[in-house]
Amino acid sequence: MPFGDRHALMLGTRPVTYWVGRFDERDGRFTPDEEEPKLLDYLNPVHCCNPSTVDARGPGGSRRRVMHAMLAHATGHVAGLPWKGALVLPRVLTRVGTRLLQQPVPEVEGLRGAHRAVASRRIDPGTHGHLEGLTGDTLEIVARFAAADRGRFGLRVRVSADGEHDTRIYYDASSGRFGVEGDLTSTPYPEQGSGPAYLKRGDDVELRVFLDRALLEAFVNGHTASGVFTAEPEWRGLDLFSDGSPAQLLSLDLWEMHAAW
């Protein structure tokens, strides 16, 4: 795939990986800029990935590349018939250096419904109830946290009434990594679960999270983790957390999401 003066080579086996480099069309040779490949998603293998859609709906009518991919672990039954696999949100692919960044297509914002906003607040380790009264399992959440030098912090979603179960979308300031853990279908690939966020020291942290009943999609600095919940349907609580050191929420916006049908 061409991206400016570079190309990306993507392999659709095991967890999908890619390299950015130069492609010589004369002899069909691709030379990567870095030897080690990067993961396209830190939690989901994204089998059946298709990054081939190109349209002219980018900023100012520019061309954009849209990727479609599968959440292979999603399963269920409809009218007695089994099904397996669901599509993630369509994602716009862009290149920064040797990385491919992903963001949901802006058209997704047309599904936003009722909006709630949460002001700045401090999150001390081991505390709870920071988002009292906010619940849901079909939501878009954008949480912004102040830069930190150490500690792990983020969002708790699909929290049970007793607080014993949840799924956590986190940023670890000590390691610079972002990931998801909790009540999710496990991946068979040990390299998945977390990955580098590529944030610079002093950068604020924005977690953009979509909940679609059994499905989770999280975005941090253009990098993604997509998963399938094993949570019970009634576990719909939301909260914030920090481990090791206090964290500072700058703002949080939450939208109830309408169906796309």
Foldseek 3Di string as FASTA:
>chain_A
DDAVQWDKDWDQPAQIWIFIAHADPVVRDTDGPDDDTDGQAQAASQHPKDFQDWAQPDVPSHIWTKIKTWRFQDWDDDPRHIDGIDIDAIWTWHDDVTDIFTDHDPVQCVQFDDKDKDAKDKAFAPDKDSPPPDWDQFKKKKWKWWFDQAWKKAKWWLAAPVRPFTKGFIAGNPVQKTFIDTQFDHRPDPSHGMDHLPDDHRDIWIWIWGGDQQKIWIHTNRHIHITGGPHDSVSIDMIIHIPPGMIMTHMMMMTRGHDPD
